[in-house]
Amino acid sequence: MKVKPLIFIFVLISTLSGCSSLGVQPWERGTLAKQEMSLNASPLDSSLDDHIYFSKEASSGGKGFAGGGCGCN
């Protein structure tokens, strides 16, 4: 009967210690500051994707672009 509390304590400690290493360490900040690590690594590709998105039919709204339909905006 004393095994169950020990198992519970072990599971609780292992669960809580799993979150102890969250976050960015100081020595990792240089790697994460590189341009290829950004969410928008290629601004030109992103702007082309946005242009395709708002030029297609039935895609007006949602990104702040006007138009839609024929793509002549």
N, C-alpha and C. Protein backbone atom coordinates (compact mmCIF):
# COMPACT_ATOMS: atom_id res chain seq x y z
N MET A 1 0.81 -1.20 0.00
CA MET A 1 0.00 0.00 0.00
C MET A 1 0.86 1.26 0.00
N LYS A 2 2.11 1.19 0.45
CA LYS A 2 2.95 2.38 0.49
C LYS A 2 3.62 2.63 -0.85
N VAL A 3 3.44 1.74 -1.79
CA VAL A 3 4.05 1.90 -3.10
C VAL A 3 3.29 2.96 -3.92
N LYS A 4 1.99 3.02 -3.78
CA LYS A 4 1.19 3.99 -4.55
C LYS A 4 1.57 5.43 -4.25
N PRO A 5 1.73 5.84 -3.00
CA PRO A 5 2.15 7.23 -2.75
C PRO A 5 3.55 7.52 -3.31
N LEU A 6 4.44 6.53 -3.25
CA LEU A 6 5.78 6.74 -3.79
C LEU A 6 5.74 6.91 -5.31
N ILE A 7 4.90 6.13 -5.96
CA ILE A 7 4.75 6.25 -7.41
C ILE A 7 4.13 7.60 -7.75
N PHE A 8 3.15 8.01 -6.99
CA PHE A 8 2.52 9.31 -7.22
C PHE A 8 3.53 10.44 -7.05
N ILE A 9 4.33 10.39 -6.01
CA ILE A 9 5.34 11.42 -5.77
C ILE A 9 6.37 11.42 -6.89
N PHE A 10 6.80 10.26 -7.35
CA PHE A 10 7.76 10.16 -8.44
C PHE A 10 7.19 10.75 -9.72
N VAL A 11 5.95 10.43 -10.05
CA VAL A 11 5.32 10.97 -11.26
C VAL A 11 5.14 12.48 -11.14
N LEU A 12 4.76 12.97 -9.99
CA LEU A 12 4.59 14.40 -9.78
C LEU A 12 5.91 15.15 -9.93
N ILE A 13 6.96 14.65 -9.34
CA ILE A 13 8.27 15.30 -9.44
C ILE A 13 8.79 15.26 -10.87
N SER A 14 8.64 14.14 -11.55
CA SER A 14 9.13 14.06 -12.92
C SER A 14 8.32 14.94 -13.86
N THR A 15 7.03 15.11 -13.60
CA THR A 15 6.21 15.99 -14.41
C THR A 15 6.60 17.45 -14.20
N LEU A 16 6.80 17.85 -12.97
CA LEU A 16 7.16 19.23 -12.68
C LEU A 16 8.58 19.57 -13.14
N SER A 17 9.47 18.61 -13.10
CA SER A 17 10.84 18.90 -13.54
C SER A 17 10.95 18.94 -15.06
N GLY A 18 9.95 18.45 -15.77
CA GLY A 18 9.98 18.51 -17.23
C GLY A 18 9.84 19.91 -17.76
N CYS A 19 9.28 20.82 -16.99
CA CYS A 19 9.09 22.21 -17.42
C CYS A 19 10.20 23.13 -16.92
N SER A 20 11.22 22.58 -16.31
CA SER A 20 12.24 23.43 -15.72
C SER A 20 13.19 24.02 -16.75
N SER A 21 13.27 23.46 -17.95
CA SER A 21 14.22 23.96 -18.94
C SER A 21 13.56 24.75 -20.06
N LEU A 22 12.37 25.28 -19.83
CA LEU A 22 11.71 26.08 -20.85
C LEU A 22 12.34 27.46 -20.93
N GLY A 23 12.32 28.03 -22.12
CA GLY A 23 12.86 29.37 -22.30
C GLY A 23 14.16 29.33 -23.08
N VAL A 24 14.62 30.50 -23.46
CA VAL A 24 15.84 30.64 -24.24
C VAL A 24 17.00 30.94 -23.31
N GLN A 25 18.03 30.16 -23.44
CA GLN A 25 19.23 30.38 -22.64
C GLN A 25 20.06 31.51 -23.26
N PRO A 26 20.88 32.18 -22.47
CA PRO A 26 21.67 33.30 -23.02
C PRO A 26 22.57 32.91 -24.18
N TRP A 27 23.13 31.73 -24.18
CA TRP A 27 24.03 31.31 -25.26
C TRP A 27 23.27 30.90 -26.53
N GLU A 28 21.94 30.76 -26.44
CA GLU A 28 21.13 30.43 -27.61
C GLU A 28 20.58 31.66 -28.32
N ARG A 29 20.69 32.81 -27.71
CA ARG A 29 20.11 34.03 -28.28
C ARG A 29 20.79 34.44 -29.58
N GLY A 30 22.09 34.21 -29.71
CA GLY A 30 22.79 34.55 -30.94
C GLY A 30 22.28 33.75 -32.12
N THR A 31 22.01 32.48 -31.91
CA THR A 31 21.49 31.63 -32.98
C THR A 31 20.08 32.03 -33.36
N LEU A 32 19.26 32.33 -32.38
CA LEU A 32 17.87 32.70 -32.66
C LEU A 32 17.74 34.10 -33.24
N ALA A 33 18.78 34.93 -33.14
CA ALA A 33 18.72 36.28 -33.68
C ALA A 33 19.05 36.33 -35.16
N LYS A 34 19.49 35.22 -35.75
CA LYS A 34 19.82 35.22 -37.17
C LYS A 34 18.56 35.39 -38.01
N GLN A 35 18.74 35.98 -39.20
CA GLN A 35 17.59 36.29 -40.04
C GLN A 35 16.88 35.02 -40.51
N GLU A 36 17.61 33.95 -40.77
CA GLU A 36 16.96 32.73 -41.24
C GLU A 36 16.13 32.04 -40.17
N MET A 37 16.27 32.46 -38.92
CA MET A 37 15.47 31.89 -37.83
C MET A 37 14.19 32.69 -37.59
N SER A 38 13.99 33.79 -38.29
CA SER A 38 12.80 34.61 -38.07
C SER A 38 11.58 33.94 -38.72
N LEU A 39 10.41 34.36 -38.31
CA LEU A 39 9.19 33.80 -38.88
C LEU A 39 9.03 34.18 -40.34
N ASN A 40 9.59 35.32 -40.72
CA ASN A 40 9.52 35.80 -42.09
C ASN A 40 10.95 35.89 -42.61
N ALA A 41 11.56 34.75 -42.92
CA ALA A 41 12.96 34.72 -43.33
C ALA A 41 13.19 35.34 -44.69
N SER A 42 12.20 35.30 -45.56
CA SER A 42 12.33 35.88 -46.89
C SER A 42 11.18 36.85 -47.14
N PRO A 43 11.41 38.14 -46.94
CA PRO A 43 10.32 39.12 -47.13
C PRO A 43 9.79 39.16 -48.56
N LEU A 44 10.66 38.92 -49.55
CA LEU A 44 10.21 38.95 -50.94
C LEU A 44 9.24 37.81 -51.22
N ASP A 45 9.57 36.61 -50.76
CA ASP A 45 8.66 35.47 -50.94
C ASP A 45 7.34 35.71 -50.21
N SER A 46 7.42 36.29 -49.04
CA SER A 46 6.22 36.57 -48.27
C SER A 46 5.32 37.58 -48.98
N SER A 47 5.93 38.62 -49.57
CA SER A 47 5.11 39.61 -50.27
C SER A 47 4.50 39.02 -51.53
N LEU A 48 5.23 38.13 -52.21
CA LEU A 48 4.66 37.46 -53.39
C LEU A 48 3.51 36.54 -52.99
N ASP A 49 3.67 35.82 -51.89
CA ASP A 49 2.58 34.96 -51.41
C ASP A 49 1.35 35.80 -51.05
N ASP A 50 1.58 36.95 -50.42
CA ASP A 50 0.45 37.82 -50.08
C ASP A 50 -0.24 38.34 -51.33
N HIS A 51 0.54 38.67 -52.34
CA HIS A 51 -0.06 39.16 -53.59
C HIS A 51 -0.91 38.06 -54.24
N ILE A 52 -0.40 36.85 -54.26
CA ILE A 52 -1.17 35.73 -54.82
C ILE A 52 -2.43 35.50 -54.01
N TYR A 53 -2.29 35.60 -52.69
CA TYR A 53 -3.43 35.37 -51.79
C TYR A 53 -4.57 36.35 -52.07
N PHE A 54 -4.23 37.65 -52.15
CA PHE A 54 -5.33 38.61 -52.31
C PHE A 54 -5.78 38.75 -53.76
N SER A 55 -5.04 38.19 -54.73
CA SER A 55 -5.45 38.27 -56.12
C SER A 55 -6.42 37.17 -56.53
N LYS A 56 -6.46 36.09 -55.78
CA LYS A 56 -7.33 34.98 -56.16
C LYS A 56 -8.79 35.29 -55.84
N GLU A 57 -9.66 34.56 -56.45
CA GLU A 57 -11.08 34.78 -56.23
C GLU A 57 -11.49 34.40 -54.82
N ALA A 58 -12.44 35.12 -54.30
CA ALA A 58 -13.07 34.86 -53.00
C ALA A 58 -12.06 34.95 -51.86
N SER A 59 -11.05 35.76 -52.02
CA SER A 59 -10.07 35.89 -50.94
C SER A 59 -9.97 37.31 -50.43
N SER A 60 -10.99 38.10 -50.62
CA SER A 60 -10.91 39.47 -50.11
C SER A 60 -11.14 39.46 -48.61
N GLY A 61 -10.43 40.32 -47.94
CA GLY A 61 -10.56 40.42 -46.50
C GLY A 61 -9.62 39.49 -45.77
N GLY A 62 -9.47 39.71 -44.49
CA GLY A 62 -8.66 38.84 -43.67
C GLY A 62 -7.23 39.31 -43.51
N LYS A 63 -6.67 39.95 -44.51
CA LYS A 63 -5.31 40.44 -44.40
C LYS A 63 -5.23 41.95 -44.60
N GLY A 64 -6.33 42.60 -44.75
CA GLY A 64 -6.32 44.03 -44.93
C GLY A 64 -6.21 44.48 -46.37
N PHE A 65 -6.31 43.55 -47.31
CA PHE A 65 -6.23 43.90 -48.73
C PHE A 65 -7.63 44.11 -49.28
N ALA A 66 -7.74 45.04 -50.18
CA ALA A 66 -9.02 45.27 -50.83
C ALA A 66 -9.10 44.41 -52.08
N GLY A 67 -10.29 44.18 -52.54
CA GLY A 67 -10.46 43.51 -53.83
C GLY A 67 -10.74 42.05 -53.70
N GLY A 68 -10.34 41.34 -54.72
CA GLY A 68 -10.66 39.93 -54.86
C GLY A 68 -11.36 39.75 -56.18
N GLY A 69 -11.84 38.60 -56.45
CA GLY A 69 -12.54 38.37 -57.71
C GLY A 69 -11.56 38.24 -58.85
N CYS A 70 -11.56 39.20 -59.78
CA CYS A 70 -10.76 39.07 -61.00
C CYS A 70 -9.29 39.34 -60.77
N GLY A 71 -8.89 39.95 -59.70
CA GLY A 71 -7.48 40.22 -59.43
C GLY A 71 -6.97 41.47 -60.10
N CYS A 72 -7.85 42.37 -60.52
CA CYS A 72 -7.41 43.57 -61.23
C CYS A 72 -7.18 44.75 -60.31
N ASN A 73 -7.09 44.56 -59.03
CA ASN A 73 -6.84 45.68 -58.11
C ASN A 73 -5.36 45.94 -57.99
